[in-house]
């Protein structure tokens, strides 16, 4: 029976699990454990926290499957990775730790994305995260959006930002702080929608 399960694709295993076959979920977890765990660990760099987030990811997976609201047939792994990614953001937010900013030209705001393994799933997840964050930044007030853009995308110093926008360095720093606070709130609000 084990070998039979291992030869099934993810979508079939999901169906079996929903129909009451607990072993099907076990097979799915074992199949994807390394990839999901490594993705989480590459963001939080802590084994205990990674284990916790991994467990939490599968608790959410189980709850969603049991409620019968899973409808991403054939895309099981990207869906689970998305849940894991949301929980990583949650982890940083709860610990009042904004992930390290990544000042590259592309829109990598948080180093939650891009784990040095550009397979199809990771590329898809990265694109989705970038898209989500871009949408959130657009919702910020103009002055905060300007400071955030100059600091993160143009790698400008606060002195340069202050000169460009015609405000004091303290005002520029304040706007950056509020931009980050508001971004956290937006991530929080949108995460509830994402996890629903």
N, C-alpha and C. Protein backbone atom coordinates (compact mmCIF):
# COMPACT_ATOMS: atom_id res chain seq x y z
N UNK A 1 0.84 -1.21 0.00
CA UNK A 1 0.00 0.00 0.00
C UNK A 1 0.87 1.26 0.00
N UNK A 2 1.98 1.25 0.83
CA UNK A 2 2.90 2.40 0.91
C UNK A 2 3.43 2.74 -0.49
N UNK A 3 3.94 1.71 -1.19
CA UNK A 3 4.54 1.93 -2.50
C UNK A 3 3.49 2.47 -3.47
N UNK A 4 2.28 1.93 -3.35
CA UNK A 4 1.18 2.41 -4.21
C UNK A 4 0.95 3.90 -3.98
N UNK A 5 0.92 4.32 -2.72
CA UNK A 5 0.69 5.72 -2.39
C UNK A 5 1.81 6.60 -2.95
N UNK A 6 3.03 6.12 -2.82
CA UNK A 6 4.18 6.91 -3.28
C UNK A 6 4.15 7.14 -4.79
N UNK A 7 3.52 6.23 -5.49
CA UNK A 7 3.49 6.38 -6.96
C UNK A 7 2.39 7.34 -7.42
N UNK A 8 1.50 7.76 -6.50
CA UNK A 8 0.41 8.68 -6.87
C UNK A 8 0.89 10.12 -6.90
N UNK A 9 0.23 10.95 -7.72
CA UNK A 9 0.61 12.36 -7.73
C UNK A 9 -0.05 13.08 -6.55
N UNK A 10 0.37 14.33 -6.32
CA UNK A 10 -0.12 15.08 -5.16
C UNK A 10 -1.64 15.21 -5.14
N UNK A 11 -2.21 15.54 -6.29
CA UNK A 11 -3.67 15.76 -6.35
C UNK A 11 -4.43 14.50 -5.92
N UNK A 12 -3.96 13.33 -6.36
CA UNK A 12 -4.62 12.07 -5.99
C UNK A 12 -4.48 11.81 -4.49
N UNK A 13 -3.29 12.11 -3.94
CA UNK A 13 -3.07 11.92 -2.51
C UNK A 13 -3.97 12.85 -1.69
N UNK A 14 -4.13 14.07 -2.16
CA UNK A 14 -5.03 15.01 -1.48
C UNK A 14 -6.44 14.45 -1.46
N UNK A 15 -6.90 13.96 -2.60
CA UNK A 15 -8.25 13.38 -2.69
C UNK A 15 -8.40 12.21 -1.71
N UNK A 16 -7.39 11.34 -1.68
CA UNK A 16 -7.43 10.18 -0.78
C UNK A 16 -7.50 10.63 0.67
N UNK A 17 -6.70 11.64 1.02
CA UNK A 17 -6.69 12.13 2.40
C UNK A 17 -8.06 12.71 2.77
N UNK A 18 -8.62 13.50 1.86
CA UNK A 18 -9.95 14.10 2.10
C UNK A 18 -11.00 13.00 2.28
N UNK A 19 -10.79 11.87 1.59
CA UNK A 19 -11.73 10.74 1.71
C UNK A 19 -11.48 9.90 2.97
N UNK A 20 -10.47 10.29 3.77
CA UNK A 20 -10.27 9.60 5.04
C UNK A 20 -9.00 8.76 5.14
N UNK A 21 -8.15 8.79 4.13
CA UNK A 21 -6.91 8.00 4.18
C UNK A 21 -5.77 8.85 4.79
N UNK A 22 -5.52 8.64 6.09
CA UNK A 22 -4.50 9.43 6.81
C UNK A 22 -3.10 9.21 6.23
N UNK A 23 -2.85 8.00 5.74
CA UNK A 23 -1.52 7.67 5.19
C UNK A 23 -1.17 8.55 3.98
N UNK A 24 -2.20 8.97 3.26
CA UNK A 24 -1.98 9.80 2.06
C UNK A 24 -1.32 11.12 2.46
N UNK A 25 -1.76 11.69 3.59
CA UNK A 25 -1.16 12.94 4.04
C UNK A 25 0.29 12.71 4.47
N UNK A 26 0.51 11.60 5.17
CA UNK A 26 1.87 11.24 5.61
C UNK A 26 2.81 11.18 4.40
N UNK A 27 2.32 10.57 3.33
CA UNK A 27 3.12 10.45 2.10
C UNK A 27 3.43 11.83 1.53
N UNK A 28 2.42 12.72 1.53
CA UNK A 28 2.62 14.09 1.02
C UNK A 28 3.66 14.84 1.86
N UNK A 29 3.54 14.71 3.19
CA UNK A 29 4.47 15.40 4.10
C UNK A 29 5.90 14.92 3.84
N UNK A 30 6.07 13.60 3.79
CA UNK A 30 7.41 13.04 3.57
C UNK A 30 7.97 13.47 2.21
N UNK A 31 7.10 13.51 1.21
CA UNK A 31 7.53 13.86 -0.14
C UNK A 31 8.08 15.28 -0.20
N UNK A 32 7.45 16.20 0.52
CA UNK A 32 7.80 17.62 0.38
C UNK A 32 8.49 18.22 1.60
N UNK A 33 8.71 17.40 2.64
CA UNK A 33 9.24 17.94 3.89
C UNK A 33 10.54 18.73 3.69
N UNK A 34 11.52 18.14 3.01
CA UNK A 34 12.84 18.78 2.87
C UNK A 34 12.71 20.15 2.20
N UNK A 35 11.95 20.20 1.11
CA UNK A 35 11.83 21.45 0.35
C UNK A 35 11.16 22.54 1.19
N UNK A 36 10.07 22.18 1.88
CA UNK A 36 9.33 23.17 2.67
C UNK A 36 10.16 23.61 3.88
N UNK A 37 10.75 22.63 4.58
CA UNK A 37 11.55 22.96 5.76
C UNK A 37 12.75 23.84 5.38
N UNK A 38 13.44 23.50 4.29
CA UNK A 38 14.60 24.29 3.85
C UNK A 38 14.20 25.71 3.47
N UNK A 39 13.04 25.84 2.84
CA UNK A 39 12.51 27.16 2.48
C UNK A 39 12.33 28.00 3.75
N UNK A 40 11.69 27.40 4.77
CA UNK A 40 11.44 28.12 6.03
C UNK A 40 12.77 28.46 6.71
N UNK A 41 13.66 27.48 6.79
CA UNK A 41 14.93 27.68 7.49
C UNK A 41 15.77 28.76 6.81
N UNK A 42 15.69 28.84 5.49
CA UNK A 42 16.49 29.83 4.76
C UNK A 42 16.01 31.26 5.05
N UNK A 43 14.83 31.37 5.65
CA UNK A 43 14.31 32.70 6.00
C UNK A 43 14.55 33.05 7.47
N UNK A 44 14.39 32.08 8.37
CA UNK A 44 14.44 32.39 9.80
C UNK A 44 15.77 31.99 10.46
N UNK A 45 16.55 31.16 9.81
CA UNK A 45 17.86 30.74 10.31
C UNK A 45 17.83 30.25 11.76
N UNK A 46 16.79 29.53 12.12
CA UNK A 46 16.73 29.00 13.48
C UNK A 46 15.98 27.68 13.43
N UNK A 47 16.62 26.59 13.90
CA UNK A 47 16.03 25.26 13.74
C UNK A 47 14.71 25.10 14.49
N UNK A 48 14.67 25.57 15.77
CA UNK A 48 13.43 25.42 16.55
C UNK A 48 12.28 26.18 15.92
N UNK A 49 12.54 27.44 15.54
CA UNK A 49 11.48 28.25 14.92
C UNK A 49 11.05 27.63 13.60
N UNK A 50 12.02 27.10 12.83
CA UNK A 50 11.69 26.47 11.55
C UNK A 50 10.79 25.26 11.76
N UNK A 51 11.12 24.46 12.78
CA UNK A 51 10.29 23.27 13.11
C UNK A 51 8.87 23.72 13.46
N UNK A 52 8.77 24.76 14.30
CA UNK A 52 7.44 25.27 14.72
C UNK A 52 6.63 25.72 13.52
N UNK A 53 7.29 26.51 12.65
CA UNK A 53 6.58 27.04 11.47
C UNK A 53 6.19 25.89 10.54
N UNK A 54 7.07 24.89 10.42
CA UNK A 54 6.76 23.72 9.58
C UNK A 54 5.51 23.01 10.11
N UNK A 55 5.49 22.77 11.45
CA UNK A 55 4.33 22.10 12.07
C UNK A 55 3.05 22.92 11.84
N UNK A 56 3.18 24.24 12.06
CA UNK A 56 2.03 25.14 11.91
C UNK A 56 1.52 25.11 10.46
N UNK A 57 2.46 25.05 9.52
CA UNK A 57 2.08 25.00 8.10
C UNK A 57 1.16 23.80 7.85
N UNK A 58 1.57 22.63 8.38
CA UNK A 58 0.76 21.44 8.12
C UNK A 58 -0.53 21.38 8.93
N UNK A 59 -0.55 22.09 10.06
CA UNK A 59 -1.82 22.20 10.81
C UNK A 59 -2.82 22.96 9.94
N UNK A 60 -2.33 24.07 9.31
CA UNK A 60 -3.20 24.85 8.42
C UNK A 60 -3.63 24.03 7.21
N UNK A 61 -2.70 23.27 6.66
CA UNK A 61 -3.00 22.41 5.50
C UNK A 61 -4.12 21.43 5.87
N UNK A 62 -3.95 20.76 7.02
CA UNK A 62 -4.93 19.77 7.48
C UNK A 62 -6.29 20.41 7.69
N UNK A 63 -6.31 21.58 8.37
CA UNK A 63 -7.59 22.27 8.63
C UNK A 63 -8.29 22.61 7.33
N UNK A 64 -7.52 23.14 6.37
CA UNK A 64 -8.12 23.53 5.08
C UNK A 64 -8.66 22.31 4.34
N UNK A 65 -7.88 21.24 4.32
CA UNK A 65 -8.32 20.02 3.63
C UNK A 65 -9.55 19.42 4.32
N UNK A 66 -9.55 19.42 5.66
CA UNK A 66 -10.69 18.84 6.40
C UNK A 66 -11.96 19.65 6.18
N UNK A 67 -11.79 20.99 6.02
CA UNK A 67 -12.97 21.83 5.79
C UNK A 67 -13.49 21.67 4.36
N UNK A 68 -12.69 21.01 3.52
CA UNK A 68 -13.12 20.77 2.14
C UNK A 68 -13.06 22.01 1.28
N UNK A 69 -12.20 22.99 1.65
CA UNK A 69 -12.15 24.22 0.86
C UNK A 69 -10.90 24.32 -0.01
N UNK A 70 -10.13 23.24 -0.05
CA UNK A 70 -8.93 23.25 -0.90
C UNK A 70 -9.37 23.03 -2.35
N UNK A 71 -8.95 23.94 -3.24
CA UNK A 71 -9.37 23.78 -4.64
C UNK A 71 -8.24 24.03 -5.62
N UNK A 72 -6.98 23.92 -5.14
CA UNK A 72 -5.84 24.19 -6.01
C UNK A 72 -5.33 22.88 -6.61
N UNK A 73 -6.20 22.11 -7.18
CA UNK A 73 -5.81 20.78 -7.65
C UNK A 73 -4.57 20.82 -8.55
N UNK A 74 -3.64 19.94 -8.25
CA UNK A 74 -2.43 19.86 -9.06
C UNK A 74 -1.36 20.86 -8.67
N UNK A 75 -1.69 21.76 -7.71
CA UNK A 75 -0.71 22.78 -7.32
C UNK A 75 -0.48 22.68 -5.82
N UNK A 76 -0.41 21.48 -5.29
CA UNK A 76 -0.30 21.29 -3.84
C UNK A 76 0.94 21.96 -3.24
N UNK A 77 2.11 21.70 -3.82
CA UNK A 77 3.35 22.23 -3.24
C UNK A 77 3.39 23.76 -3.24
N UNK A 78 3.13 24.44 -4.37
CA UNK A 78 3.13 25.92 -4.32
C UNK A 78 2.14 26.47 -3.28
N UNK A 79 0.99 25.78 -3.13
CA UNK A 79 -0.01 26.22 -2.14
C UNK A 79 0.55 26.09 -0.72
N UNK A 80 1.19 24.96 -0.42
CA UNK A 80 1.76 24.75 0.92
C UNK A 80 2.90 25.75 1.15
N UNK A 81 3.71 25.99 0.12
CA UNK A 81 4.82 26.94 0.26
C UNK A 81 4.28 28.35 0.54
N UNK A 82 3.16 28.66 -0.05
CA UNK A 82 2.53 29.97 0.17
C UNK A 82 2.09 30.09 1.63
N UNK A 83 1.51 29.02 2.18
CA UNK A 83 1.11 29.01 3.59
C UNK A 83 2.35 29.20 4.46
N UNK A 84 3.42 28.47 4.15
CA UNK A 84 4.67 28.56 4.91
C UNK A 84 5.21 29.99 4.85
N UNK A 85 5.16 30.58 3.68
CA UNK A 85 5.65 31.96 3.50
C UNK A 85 4.85 32.94 4.35
N UNK A 86 3.52 32.78 4.37
CA UNK A 86 2.68 33.65 5.20
C UNK A 86 3.03 33.51 6.67
N UNK A 87 3.29 32.27 7.10
CA UNK A 87 3.63 32.03 8.50
C UNK A 87 5.01 32.60 8.84
N UNK A 88 5.91 32.62 7.87
CA UNK A 88 7.23 33.23 8.09
C UNK A 88 7.05 34.74 8.32
N UNK A 89 6.22 35.38 7.50
CA UNK A 89 5.95 36.82 7.68
C UNK A 89 5.35 37.04 9.07
N UNK A 90 4.42 36.18 9.43
CA UNK A 90 3.77 36.24 10.74
C UNK A 90 4.79 36.13 11.87
N UNK A 91 5.74 35.21 11.69
CA UNK A 91 6.79 34.98 12.69
C UNK A 91 7.59 36.27 12.91
N UNK A 92 7.98 36.93 11.82
CA UNK A 92 8.76 38.16 11.96
C UNK A 92 7.92 39.27 12.61
N UNK A 93 6.65 39.33 12.23
CA UNK A 93 5.77 40.36 12.77
C UNK A 93 5.57 40.18 14.28
N UNK A 94 5.28 38.93 14.69
CA UNK A 94 5.05 38.64 16.12
C UNK A 94 6.28 38.94 16.95
N UNK A 95 7.44 38.73 16.37
CA UNK A 95 8.69 38.95 17.11
C UNK A 95 9.21 40.37 16.94
N UNK A 96 8.34 41.23 16.34
CA UNK A 96 8.75 42.61 16.08
C UNK A 96 10.08 42.70 15.34
N UNK A 97 10.28 41.75 14.45
CA UNK A 97 11.50 41.76 13.65
C UNK A 97 11.13 41.87 12.20
N UNK A 98 11.40 43.03 11.62
CA UNK A 98 11.18 43.14 10.17
C UNK A 98 12.36 42.41 9.53
N UNK A 99 12.11 41.53 8.60
CA UNK A 99 13.23 40.83 7.95
C UNK A 99 14.20 41.82 7.31
N UNK A 100 15.43 41.38 7.16
CA UNK A 100 16.47 42.22 6.60
C UNK A 100 16.04 42.80 5.26
N UNK A 101 16.24 44.08 5.08
CA UNK A 101 15.93 44.69 3.80
C UNK A 101 17.00 44.31 2.78
N UNK A 102 16.57 44.16 1.57
CA UNK A 102 17.48 43.73 0.51
C UNK A 102 17.53 44.86 -0.52
N UNK A 103 18.62 45.61 -0.54
CA UNK A 103 18.67 46.80 -1.39
C UNK A 103 19.15 46.52 -2.81
N UNK A 104 18.52 45.60 -3.47
CA UNK A 104 18.89 45.34 -4.87
C UNK A 104 17.92 46.11 -5.75
N UNK A 105 18.21 46.14 -7.04
CA UNK A 105 17.33 46.89 -7.93
C UNK A 105 15.98 46.24 -8.11
N UNK A 106 15.96 44.91 -8.11
CA UNK A 106 14.65 44.27 -8.27
C UNK A 106 13.86 44.45 -6.99
N UNK A 107 12.56 44.21 -7.05
CA UNK A 107 11.71 44.52 -5.90
C UNK A 107 11.73 43.44 -4.83
N UNK A 108 12.92 43.11 -4.32
CA UNK A 108 13.03 42.15 -3.22
C UNK A 108 12.98 42.93 -1.92
N UNK A 109 11.80 43.19 -1.40
CA UNK A 109 11.72 44.04 -0.22
C UNK A 109 12.21 43.30 0.99
N UNK A 110 11.69 42.12 1.21
CA UNK A 110 12.12 41.33 2.35
C UNK A 110 13.00 40.19 1.86
N UNK A 111 13.95 39.78 2.66
CA UNK A 111 14.73 38.62 2.26
C UNK A 111 13.99 37.36 2.66
N UNK A 112 12.69 37.41 2.45
CA UNK A 112 11.87 36.23 2.67
C UNK A 112 11.82 35.45 1.38
N UNK A 113 12.34 36.08 0.33
CA UNK A 113 12.15 35.48 -0.98
C UNK A 113 13.50 35.23 -1.63
N UNK A 114 13.52 34.25 -2.51
CA UNK A 114 14.74 33.92 -3.21
C UNK A 114 15.66 33.15 -2.29
N UNK A 115 15.58 31.82 -2.30
CA UNK A 115 16.41 31.05 -1.37
C UNK A 115 17.53 30.30 -2.10
N UNK A 116 18.00 30.88 -3.20
CA UNK A 116 19.15 30.30 -3.88
C UNK A 116 18.84 29.01 -4.60
N UNK A 117 17.57 28.69 -4.76
CA UNK A 117 17.22 27.43 -5.41
C UNK A 117 16.10 27.73 -6.39
N UNK A 118 16.41 28.32 -7.55
CA UNK A 118 15.35 28.84 -8.40
C UNK A 118 14.62 27.77 -9.20
N UNK A 119 13.93 26.86 -8.50
CA UNK A 119 13.10 25.90 -9.24
C UNK A 119 11.75 26.56 -9.53
N UNK A 120 10.91 25.88 -10.26
CA UNK A 120 9.64 26.47 -10.71
C UNK A 120 8.79 26.98 -9.55
N UNK A 121 8.69 26.17 -8.47
CA UNK A 121 7.85 26.58 -7.33
C UNK A 121 8.38 27.87 -6.71
N UNK A 122 9.71 27.90 -6.46
CA UNK A 122 10.28 29.08 -5.80
C UNK A 122 10.14 30.34 -6.65
N UNK A 123 10.30 30.18 -7.95
CA UNK A 123 10.16 31.33 -8.84
C UNK A 123 8.72 31.84 -8.76
N UNK A 124 7.77 30.91 -8.77
CA UNK A 124 6.36 31.27 -8.71
C UNK A 124 6.03 31.98 -7.41
N UNK A 125 6.55 31.43 -6.30
CA UNK A 125 6.29 32.01 -4.98
C UNK A 125 6.93 33.39 -4.90
N UNK A 126 8.16 33.49 -5.38
CA UNK A 126 8.87 34.78 -5.34
C UNK A 126 8.08 35.84 -6.10
N UNK A 127 7.62 35.48 -7.28
CA UNK A 127 6.85 36.44 -8.09
C UNK A 127 5.59 36.88 -7.37
N UNK A 128 4.93 35.91 -6.71
CA UNK A 128 3.69 36.19 -5.99
C UNK A 128 3.95 37.14 -4.82
N UNK A 129 5.03 36.87 -4.07
CA UNK A 129 5.36 37.70 -2.90
C UNK A 129 5.67 39.12 -3.35
N UNK A 130 6.49 39.24 -4.40
CA UNK A 130 6.86 40.55 -4.92
C UNK A 130 5.61 41.31 -5.34
N UNK A 131 4.72 40.62 -6.04
CA UNK A 131 3.47 41.22 -6.50
C UNK A 131 2.63 41.70 -5.31
N UNK A 132 2.50 40.82 -4.28
CA UNK A 132 1.72 41.18 -3.08
C UNK A 132 2.30 42.41 -2.41
N UNK A 133 3.64 42.44 -2.25
CA UNK A 133 4.26 43.56 -1.54
C UNK A 133 4.15 44.86 -2.33
N UNK A 134 4.26 44.74 -3.66
CA UNK A 134 4.11 45.94 -4.48
C UNK A 134 2.71 46.53 -4.30
N UNK A 135 1.70 45.64 -4.24
CA UNK A 135 0.32 46.10 -4.05
C UNK A 135 0.16 46.80 -2.71
N UNK A 136 0.83 46.26 -1.68
CA UNK A 136 0.73 46.84 -0.34
C UNK A 136 1.41 48.20 -0.28
N UNK A 137 2.57 48.33 -0.92
CA UNK A 137 3.30 49.60 -0.89
C UNK A 137 2.47 50.71 -1.55
N UNK A 138 1.74 50.35 -2.59
CA UNK A 138 0.89 51.33 -3.30
C UNK A 138 -0.15 51.91 -2.34
N UNK A 139 -0.55 51.12 -1.32
CA UNK A 139 -1.58 51.58 -0.38
C UNK A 139 -1.04 52.55 0.68
N UNK A 140 0.29 52.70 0.76
CA UNK A 140 0.87 53.61 1.76
C UNK A 140 0.63 55.07 1.37
N UNK A 141 0.58 55.98 2.37
CA UNK A 141 0.49 57.41 2.04
C UNK A 141 1.68 57.83 1.19
N UNK A 142 1.47 58.84 0.34
CA UNK A 142 2.49 59.26 -0.63
C UNK A 142 3.85 59.53 -0.01
N UNK A 143 3.90 60.29 1.11
CA UNK A 143 5.20 60.66 1.70
C UNK A 143 5.96 59.43 2.19
N UNK A 144 5.21 58.46 2.77
CA UNK A 144 5.85 57.23 3.27
C UNK A 144 6.31 56.37 2.10
N UNK A 145 5.47 56.30 1.08
CA UNK A 145 5.81 55.49 -0.11
C UNK A 145 7.09 56.02 -0.75
N UNK A 146 7.22 57.36 -0.82
CA UNK A 146 8.39 57.99 -1.44
C UNK A 146 9.66 57.63 -0.68
N UNK A 147 9.63 57.75 0.66
CA UNK A 147 10.81 57.46 1.47
C UNK A 147 11.19 55.99 1.35
N UNK A 148 10.18 55.11 1.43
CA UNK A 148 10.42 53.66 1.34
C UNK A 148 11.05 53.30 -0.01
N UNK A 149 10.52 53.89 -1.07
CA UNK A 149 11.03 53.63 -2.42
C UNK A 149 12.48 54.09 -2.56
N UNK A 150 12.76 55.29 -2.07
CA UNK A 150 14.13 55.82 -2.19
C UNK A 150 15.12 54.99 -1.38
N UNK A 151 14.68 54.59 -0.19
CA UNK A 151 15.57 53.85 0.72
C UNK A 151 15.81 52.42 0.21
N UNK A 152 14.73 51.74 -0.17
CA UNK A 152 14.85 50.33 -0.52
C UNK A 152 15.27 50.08 -1.96
N UNK A 153 14.69 50.83 -2.87
CA UNK A 153 14.95 50.53 -4.28
C UNK A 153 16.12 51.33 -4.84
N UNK A 154 16.32 52.55 -4.29
CA UNK A 154 17.40 53.39 -4.84
C UNK A 154 18.60 53.42 -3.91
N UNK A 155 18.48 52.76 -2.76
CA UNK A 155 19.59 52.64 -1.80
C UNK A 155 20.13 54.02 -1.37
N UNK A 156 19.22 55.00 -1.21
CA UNK A 156 19.64 56.34 -0.83
C UNK A 156 19.78 56.44 0.69
N UNK A 157 20.70 57.27 1.15
CA UNK A 157 20.85 57.49 2.60
C UNK A 157 19.72 58.41 3.06
N UNK A 158 19.49 58.45 4.39
CA UNK A 158 18.43 59.33 4.90
C UNK A 158 18.78 60.80 4.65
N UNK A 159 20.07 61.11 4.62
CA UNK A 159 20.50 62.48 4.33
C UNK A 159 20.09 62.84 2.90
N UNK A 160 20.35 61.91 1.96
CA UNK A 160 19.97 62.14 0.55
C UNK A 160 18.46 62.24 0.39
N UNK A 161 17.74 61.38 1.13
CA UNK A 161 16.26 61.40 1.06
C UNK A 161 15.75 62.74 1.57
N UNK A 162 16.33 63.20 2.70
CA UNK A 162 15.92 64.48 3.30
C UNK A 162 16.14 65.61 2.30
N UNK A 163 17.30 65.61 1.64
CA UNK A 163 17.61 66.68 0.67
C UNK A 163 16.67 66.62 -0.54
N UNK A 164 16.42 65.39 -1.03
CA UNK A 164 15.56 65.22 -2.22
C UNK A 164 14.12 65.66 -1.94
N UNK A 165 13.63 65.32 -0.74
CA UNK A 165 12.21 65.61 -0.43
C UNK A 165 12.03 66.95 0.27
N UNK A 166 13.15 67.61 0.62
CA UNK A 166 13.07 68.93 1.24
C UNK A 166 12.57 68.90 2.68
N UNK A 167 12.88 67.80 3.40
CA UNK A 167 12.49 67.72 4.82
C UNK A 167 13.74 67.45 5.66
N UNK A 168 13.59 67.49 7.00
CA UNK A 168 14.74 67.20 7.87
C UNK A 168 15.00 65.69 7.88
N UNK A 169 16.22 65.32 8.33
CA UNK A 169 16.55 63.89 8.42
C UNK A 169 15.58 63.19 9.38
N UNK A 170 15.25 63.85 10.49
CA UNK A 170 14.31 63.26 11.46
C UNK A 170 12.95 62.98 10.84
N UNK A 171 12.47 63.91 10.01
CA UNK A 171 11.18 63.71 9.33
C UNK A 171 11.27 62.51 8.39
N UNK A 172 12.38 62.43 7.64
CA UNK A 172 12.58 61.29 6.71
C UNK A 172 12.60 59.97 7.49
N UNK A 173 13.33 59.96 8.62
CA UNK A 173 13.38 58.75 9.46
C UNK A 173 12.00 58.40 9.99
N UNK A 174 11.27 59.42 10.42
CA UNK A 174 9.91 59.21 10.95
C UNK A 174 8.99 58.61 9.90
N UNK A 175 9.08 59.14 8.68
CA UNK A 175 8.24 58.62 7.59
C UNK A 175 8.57 57.16 7.30
N UNK A 176 9.87 56.83 7.33
CA UNK A 176 10.30 55.44 7.09
C UNK A 176 9.72 54.54 8.18
N UNK A 177 9.80 55.02 9.43
CA UNK A 177 9.28 54.23 10.56
C UNK A 177 7.78 53.98 10.39
N UNK A 178 7.04 55.04 10.05
CA UNK A 178 5.59 54.89 9.85
C UNK A 178 5.28 54.00 8.65
N UNK A 179 6.11 54.11 7.62
CA UNK A 179 5.91 53.26 6.43
C UNK A 179 6.03 51.79 6.83
N UNK A 180 7.04 51.47 7.66
CA UNK A 180 7.24 50.08 8.08
C UNK A 180 6.09 49.62 8.98
N UNK A 181 5.66 50.50 9.91
CA UNK A 181 4.53 50.16 10.80
C UNK A 181 3.29 49.88 9.95
N UNK A 182 3.02 50.77 8.99
CA UNK A 182 1.83 50.60 8.14
C UNK A 182 1.93 49.36 7.26
N UNK A 183 3.15 49.08 6.78
CA UNK A 183 3.36 47.89 5.96
C UNK A 183 3.07 46.63 6.79
N UNK A 184 3.50 46.65 8.05
CA UNK A 184 3.21 45.52 8.95
C UNK A 184 1.71 45.33 9.10
N UNK A 185 0.99 46.46 9.29
CA UNK A 185 -0.48 46.39 9.46
C UNK A 185 -1.11 45.82 8.20
N UNK A 186 -0.65 46.30 7.04
CA UNK A 186 -1.21 45.83 5.76
C UNK A 186 -0.94 44.35 5.56
N UNK A 187 0.29 43.90 5.91
CA UNK A 187 0.62 42.48 5.79
C UNK A 187 -0.33 41.69 6.67
N UNK A 188 -0.56 42.20 7.88
CA UNK A 188 -1.45 41.55 8.84
C UNK A 188 -2.85 41.42 8.26
N UNK A 189 -3.39 42.54 7.77
CA UNK A 189 -4.76 42.53 7.21
C UNK A 189 -4.86 41.57 6.03
N UNK A 190 -3.90 41.67 5.11
CA UNK A 190 -3.97 40.85 3.90
C UNK A 190 -3.70 39.38 4.22
N UNK A 191 -2.95 39.13 5.27
CA UNK A 191 -2.65 37.74 5.63
C UNK A 191 -3.90 37.02 6.07
N UNK A 192 -4.79 37.76 6.76
CA UNK A 192 -6.05 37.15 7.20
C UNK A 192 -6.82 36.69 5.96
N UNK A 193 -6.82 37.52 4.92
CA UNK A 193 -7.50 37.16 3.67
C UNK A 193 -6.80 35.96 3.03
N UNK A 194 -5.46 36.01 2.99
CA UNK A 194 -4.69 34.92 2.35
C UNK A 194 -4.90 33.59 3.04
N UNK A 195 -5.03 33.63 4.40
CA UNK A 195 -5.11 32.37 5.13
C UNK A 195 -6.54 31.86 5.25
N UNK A 196 -7.50 32.68 4.89
CA UNK A 196 -8.91 32.30 5.12
C UNK A 196 -9.29 31.07 4.31
